[in-house]
């Protein structure tokens, strides 16, 4: 029992690290499931990166649509990234974080376009900014998706 109290801080650190890993994986899996479900629902809203619409002969109204999201990492990913920065290589934890943020911003932009009656968005662009603040903070990113929704006249 004495050895437990002697290494209590290490046990607590490992317990919190395992807890962060489990909760982070669970929340990320739920978010991906939600994203996949909504992507299927909004599959009829098409996105084009080109500046001009595919059909330029039909007159359509235009409206700027945006979708933005602020997404942050958890302490487990931050810990793994800290270890990974010593040896270099890909940081898959942050890649999934940015992937979820980009897809969520796209879905929010599509939601706004559908609310306006549009099924086509052209000139789609993405902007991202790190808003984590000081060096010890958990990384957080703001991702903005924007484009021009083409709305058929009524």
Foldseek 3Di string as FASTA:
>chain_A
DVVCVVCVVVVVVVVVLVVQVVVQVVVLVVLVVVLVVLCVVLVQQDEEQDPDDPDPPADWDKDKFKFKDKFFATPNLVVVVVVCVVVDDDSVRVVSRVVSRVSRGVSRRSVVLVVVVFRYWYNKDKDKDWDQPDDPGTTMMMMMIMTMTTHHDD
